[in-house]
N, C-alpha and C. Protein backbone atom coordinates (compact mmCIF):
# COMPACT_ATOMS: atom_id res chain seq x y z
N UNK A 1 -33.84 17.34 36.00
CA UNK A 1 -34.61 17.97 36.97
C UNK A 1 -36.54 18.40 36.15
N UNK A 2 -37.43 18.82 36.57
CA UNK A 2 -38.72 18.40 36.44
C UNK A 2 -39.44 19.30 36.85
N UNK A 3 -40.39 19.89 36.08
CA UNK A 3 -41.40 20.61 37.13
C UNK A 3 -42.55 19.86 37.23
N UNK A 4 -43.10 20.18 38.60
CA UNK A 4 -44.97 18.76 38.32
C UNK A 4 -45.63 20.45 39.20
N UNK A 5 -46.69 20.42 37.88
CA UNK A 5 -47.79 21.26 38.60
C UNK A 5 -48.77 20.44 39.20
N UNK A 6 -49.15 20.87 40.17
CA UNK A 6 -49.98 20.09 40.70
C UNK A 6 -51.44 20.70 40.85
N UNK A 7 -52.21 19.89 40.90
CA UNK A 7 -53.64 20.95 41.03
C UNK A 7 -54.19 21.14 42.12
N UNK A 8 -54.91 22.16 42.24
CA UNK A 8 -55.55 22.52 43.27
C UNK A 8 -56.05 21.72 44.04
N UNK A 9 -56.69 20.45 44.11
CA UNK A 9 -57.17 19.14 44.84
C UNK A 9 -56.81 18.61 45.46
N UNK A 10 -55.09 18.68 45.34
CA UNK A 10 -54.33 17.83 45.52
C UNK A 10 -53.26 18.88 46.20
N UNK A 11 -53.15 19.62 46.29
CA UNK A 11 -52.29 21.09 46.83
C UNK A 11 -52.18 20.65 48.53
N UNK A 12 -53.17 20.27 49.07
CA UNK A 12 -52.98 19.97 50.75
C UNK A 12 -52.57 18.88 50.31
N UNK A 13 -52.14 17.93 50.11
CA UNK A 13 -51.34 16.78 50.72
C UNK A 13 -50.02 17.08 49.69
N UNK A 14 -49.73 18.33 49.39
CA UNK A 14 -48.52 18.50 49.19
C UNK A 14 -48.00 19.77 49.72
N UNK A 15 -47.73 20.32 50.70
CA UNK A 15 -47.68 21.45 51.46
C UNK A 15 -48.11 22.85 51.00
N UNK A 16 -48.99 22.45 50.02
CA UNK A 16 -49.89 23.71 49.31
C UNK A 16 -48.69 23.89 48.27
N UNK A 17 -48.62 23.53 47.58
CA UNK A 17 -47.80 24.15 46.75
C UNK A 17 -48.14 23.33 45.59
N UNK A 18 -48.08 24.64 44.86
CA UNK A 18 -48.82 24.36 43.09
C UNK A 18 -47.35 23.98 41.82
N UNK A 19 -46.46 24.08 42.65
CA UNK A 19 -45.22 24.09 41.47
C UNK A 19 -43.82 22.82 42.51
N UNK A 20 -43.06 21.78 42.02
CA UNK A 20 -42.63 21.26 42.56
C UNK A 20 -41.53 20.86 41.93
N UNK A 21 -40.19 21.15 41.81
CA UNK A 21 -38.96 20.65 40.85
C UNK A 21 -38.77 19.56 41.31
N UNK A 22 -38.58 18.16 40.87
CA UNK A 22 -38.05 17.50 41.18
C UNK A 22 -37.00 16.54 40.32
N UNK A 23 -36.33 15.58 40.52
CA UNK A 23 -35.57 15.30 39.71
C UNK A 23 -35.78 13.80 39.09
N UNK A 24 -35.37 13.06 37.96
CA UNK A 24 -35.92 12.03 37.54
C UNK A 24 -35.71 11.78 35.98
N UNK A 25 -35.17 10.46 34.97
CA UNK A 25 -34.87 10.19 34.16
C UNK A 25 -36.15 9.85 33.33
N UNK A 26 -37.35 9.18 34.23
CA UNK A 26 -38.34 9.20 33.32
C UNK A 26 -39.60 9.75 34.20
N UNK A 27 -40.62 9.65 33.71
CA UNK A 27 -42.03 10.24 34.61
C UNK A 27 -42.47 9.79 35.78
N UNK A 28 -42.02 7.89 35.59
CA UNK A 28 -42.56 7.10 36.86
C UNK A 28 -41.19 7.86 37.88
N UNK A 29 -39.89 8.21 37.41
CA UNK A 29 -39.19 8.46 38.69
C UNK A 29 -39.31 9.39 39.01
N UNK A 30 -39.46 10.91 38.51
CA UNK A 30 -40.35 12.11 38.53
C UNK A 30 -41.27 11.66 39.96
N UNK A 31 -42.35 10.89 39.58
CA UNK A 31 -43.45 10.90 40.35
C UNK A 31 -43.22 9.94 41.77
N UNK A 32 -41.78 8.92 41.71
CA UNK A 32 -42.03 8.71 42.67
C UNK A 32 -41.10 9.44 43.64
N UNK A 33 -40.17 10.48 43.38
CA UNK A 33 -39.58 11.67 44.08
C UNK A 33 -40.74 12.87 44.08
N UNK A 34 -41.47 12.39 43.69
CA UNK A 34 -42.34 13.61 44.16
C UNK A 34 -43.75 12.71 45.46
N UNK A 35 -43.70 11.85 45.49
CA UNK A 35 -44.72 10.63 46.47
C UNK A 35 -43.78 10.45 47.52
N UNK A 36 -43.02 10.13 47.16
CA UNK A 36 -41.32 10.56 48.51
C UNK A 36 -41.14 11.85 49.21
N UNK A 37 -41.38 12.36 48.45
CA UNK A 37 -41.57 13.77 49.35
C UNK A 37 -42.79 14.17 49.80
N UNK A 38 -43.68 13.84 48.97
CA UNK A 38 -45.53 14.58 49.54
C UNK A 38 -45.69 12.90 49.62
N UNK A 39 -45.90 12.26 50.93
CA UNK A 39 -46.18 11.03 50.98
C UNK A 39 -48.24 10.78 51.10
N UNK A 40 -48.44 11.48 51.64
CA UNK A 40 -49.84 11.50 51.48
C UNK A 40 -50.15 11.81 49.98
N UNK A 41 -49.82 12.30 48.92
CA UNK A 41 -50.35 12.03 47.78
C UNK A 41 -50.33 10.44 47.17
N UNK A 42 -49.39 9.97 47.24
CA UNK A 42 -49.26 8.78 47.01
C UNK A 42 -50.95 7.86 47.32
N UNK A 43 -51.42 7.82 47.86
CA UNK A 43 -53.09 7.64 47.81
C UNK A 43 -54.15 7.86 46.74
N UNK A 44 -53.44 9.03 46.48
CA UNK A 44 -54.32 9.97 45.86
C UNK A 44 -53.59 9.62 43.99
N UNK A 45 -52.71 9.32 43.98
CA UNK A 45 -52.49 9.10 42.59
C UNK A 45 -52.12 7.73 42.11
N UNK A 46 -52.22 6.59 43.05
CA UNK A 46 -51.76 5.29 42.89
C UNK A 46 -52.69 4.08 43.45
N UNK A 47 -52.95 2.97 42.49
CA UNK A 47 -53.73 2.21 43.13
C UNK A 47 -52.60 1.70 44.05
N UNK A 48 -53.52 0.44 44.90
CA UNK A 48 -52.95 -0.44 46.66
C UNK A 48 -51.84 -1.15 45.86
N UNK A 49 -52.16 -1.22 43.64
CA UNK A 49 -50.82 -2.14 43.07
C UNK A 49 -50.01 -1.70 42.31
N UNK A 50 -49.89 -0.03 43.32
CA UNK A 50 -49.01 0.61 42.43
C UNK A 50 -49.14 1.00 40.85
N UNK A 51 -50.01 0.98 40.74
CA UNK A 51 -50.56 1.33 39.31
C UNK A 51 -51.46 2.85 39.20
N UNK A 52 -50.89 3.68 38.36
CA UNK A 52 -51.53 5.11 38.42
C UNK A 52 -53.10 5.26 37.96
N UNK A 53 -53.26 5.56 39.16
CA UNK A 53 -55.23 5.87 38.83
C UNK A 53 -55.79 6.08 38.39
N UNK A 54 -56.53 5.33 37.83
CA UNK A 54 -57.65 5.49 35.52
C UNK A 54 -58.21 7.15 36.06
N UNK A 55 -57.69 7.15 37.09
CA UNK A 55 -58.87 8.99 36.44
C UNK A 55 -57.61 10.10 37.02
N UNK A 56 -56.49 9.41 36.73
CA UNK A 56 -55.29 10.34 37.21
C UNK A 56 -54.24 10.53 35.41
N UNK A 57 -54.45 11.92 35.36
CA UNK A 57 -53.97 12.03 33.57
C UNK A 57 -52.93 12.77 34.03
N UNK A 58 -51.41 12.07 33.32
CA UNK A 58 -50.10 12.92 33.30
C UNK A 58 -49.83 13.33 31.95
N UNK A 59 -49.22 14.54 32.37
CA UNK A 59 -49.12 15.19 30.51
C UNK A 59 -47.64 15.80 30.76
N UNK A 60 -46.67 15.47 29.93
CA UNK A 60 -45.50 15.89 29.86
C UNK A 60 -45.41 16.67 28.84
N UNK A 61 -45.37 18.24 28.87
CA UNK A 61 -45.32 19.17 28.23
C UNK A 61 -46.23 18.77 27.61
N UNK A 62 -47.68 18.71 27.48
CA UNK A 62 -49.20 18.66 27.12
C UNK A 62 -49.49 17.76 26.25
N UNK A 63 -48.70 16.70 26.58
CA UNK A 63 -48.81 15.07 25.55
C UNK A 63 -49.21 14.37 26.45
N UNK A 64 -49.87 13.49 26.76
CA UNK A 64 -50.21 12.76 27.63
C UNK A 64 -49.91 11.29 27.60
N UNK A 65 -49.05 11.09 29.14
CA UNK A 65 -48.26 10.32 28.73
C UNK A 65 -48.75 8.71 28.53
N UNK A 66 -49.96 8.43 28.29
CA UNK A 66 -50.59 7.17 28.16
C UNK A 66 -50.20 6.87 26.59
N UNK A 67 -50.14 8.34 25.64
CA UNK A 67 -49.51 7.76 24.03
C UNK A 67 -48.11 7.76 24.04
N UNK A 68 -47.32 7.96 25.03
CA UNK A 68 -45.89 8.50 24.88
C UNK A 68 -44.71 8.03 25.70
N UNK A 69 -45.36 6.54 26.02
CA UNK A 69 -44.84 5.45 26.88
C UNK A 69 -44.63 5.22 28.65
N UNK A 70 -45.84 6.29 28.65
CA UNK A 70 -46.57 6.15 29.93
C UNK A 70 -44.96 6.28 31.20
N UNK A 71 -45.11 5.51 32.18
CA UNK A 71 -44.01 5.97 32.89
C UNK A 71 -42.52 6.23 32.43
N UNK A 72 -42.34 5.66 31.51
CA UNK A 72 -41.03 5.27 30.61
C UNK A 72 -40.73 6.45 29.91
N UNK A 73 -41.69 7.51 30.16
CA UNK A 73 -41.52 7.94 29.12
C UNK A 73 -40.26 9.49 29.36
N UNK A 74 -39.19 9.08 29.06
CA UNK A 74 -38.17 10.35 29.28
C UNK A 74 -38.59 11.67 29.87
N UNK A 75 -37.91 12.27 30.44
CA UNK A 75 -37.91 13.68 31.25
C UNK A 75 -36.63 14.40 31.09
N UNK A 76 -36.17 15.79 30.52
CA UNK A 76 -35.16 16.46 30.41
C UNK A 76 -35.45 17.74 31.47
N UNK A 77 -35.15 18.11 31.30
CA UNK A 77 -34.76 19.61 31.92
C UNK A 77 -35.21 20.69 30.77
N UNK A 78 -36.06 21.33 30.34
CA UNK A 78 -36.95 21.86 31.35
C UNK A 78 -38.34 21.92 31.18
N UNK A 79 -38.33 20.18 31.50
CA UNK A 79 -40.13 19.83 31.17
C UNK A 79 -40.62 20.65 31.98
N UNK A 80 -41.65 19.89 31.84
CA UNK A 80 -42.80 20.05 33.39
C UNK A 80 -44.30 19.29 32.59
N UNK A 81 -43.99 18.27 34.29
CA UNK A 81 -45.63 17.51 34.27
C UNK A 81 -46.61 18.59 34.85
N UNK A 82 -47.40 18.10 34.34
CA UNK A 82 -49.34 18.43 34.60
C UNK A 82 -49.82 17.32 35.29
N UNK A 83 -50.14 17.03 36.24
CA UNK A 83 -51.34 15.81 37.22
C UNK A 83 -52.25 16.61 36.67
N UNK A 84 -53.56 15.53 36.11
CA UNK A 84 -54.98 16.55 35.30
C UNK A 84 -55.70 14.89 36.12
N UNK A 85 -56.52 15.55 37.43
CA UNK A 85 -57.14 14.46 37.48
C UNK A 85 -58.33 14.31 36.69
N UNK A 86 -58.93 13.54 36.18
CA UNK A 86 -59.97 13.74 35.74
C UNK A 86 -61.71 13.91 36.72
N UNK A 87 -62.41 15.16 36.25
CA UNK A 87 -63.72 15.34 37.18
C UNK A 87 -65.07 15.05 36.58
N UNK A 88 -65.23 14.08 37.03
CA UNK A 88 -67.14 13.53 37.11
C UNK A 88 -68.06 13.85 37.39
N UNK A 89 -68.85 14.22 37.52
CA UNK A 89 -69.97 14.48 37.84
C UNK A 89 -71.33 14.84 36.65
N UNK A 90 -72.19 15.81 37.70
CA UNK A 90 -73.05 16.89 37.02
C UNK A 90 -74.36 16.11 36.70
N UNK A 91 -74.97 16.36 36.01
CA UNK A 91 -77.03 15.95 35.89
C UNK A 91 -76.82 15.90 34.63
N UNK A 92 -77.41 15.04 34.15
CA UNK A 92 -78.75 14.37 32.35
C UNK A 92 -79.83 15.80 32.85
N UNK A 93 -79.18 16.43 32.18
CA UNK A 93 -81.03 17.20 32.18
C UNK A 93 -81.90 16.82 31.45
N UNK A 94 -81.88 15.94 30.42
CA UNK A 94 -82.80 15.59 29.81
C UNK A 94 -83.82 14.63 30.64
N UNK A 95 -82.95 14.16 31.49
CA UNK A 95 -83.70 13.34 32.36
C UNK A 95 -84.56 13.59 33.47
N UNK A 96 -84.69 14.81 33.27
CA UNK A 96 -85.38 15.55 35.06
C UNK A 96 -86.00 16.37 33.89
N UNK A 97 -87.19 16.61 34.42
CA UNK A 97 -87.76 17.91 33.68
C UNK A 97 -87.48 19.27 34.60
N UNK A 98 -87.40 20.60 33.88
CA UNK A 98 -86.49 21.64 33.67
C UNK A 98 -87.56 22.46 34.46
N UNK A 99 -87.41 23.01 35.58
CA UNK A 99 -89.02 23.29 36.42
C UNK A 99 -88.36 25.33 36.46
N UNK A 100 -89.22 25.68 35.58
CA UNK A 100 -88.89 27.39 36.23
C UNK A 100 -90.11 28.39 36.48
N UNK A 101 -89.78 28.87 37.60
CA UNK A 101 -90.75 29.71 38.35
C UNK A 101 -90.96 30.98 37.88
N UNK A 102 -92.08 30.73 37.61
CA UNK A 102 -92.81 32.14 36.80
C UNK A 102 -93.04 33.52 38.36
N UNK A 103 -92.70 34.58 37.79
CA UNK A 103 -92.71 35.71 39.37
C UNK A 103 -94.00 36.64 38.59
N UNK A 104 -95.24 36.58 39.60
CA UNK A 104 -96.15 37.35 39.40
C UNK A 104 -96.04 38.76 39.82
């Protein structure tokens, strides 16, 4: 059994749950159980080809699974999986002049 930490932006697709405990022998099985329980999550986590989206990072007890065996990384009780979507955005402050309004 593993505890899955669901990030705030994805909770709307997981019945507003912030954590879910699900069975599985490895990360792939646990994530499969997660998307079986909450089918709307699948399109946010996986591509049409069934690969974990490049902007979705998964950590097993603070270890990035990209470096520990990916979906085949073994899971045991009481492990915690954290789903961390990469956030992009912002603006390049150097390419735009900073405007400061002066008050008299």
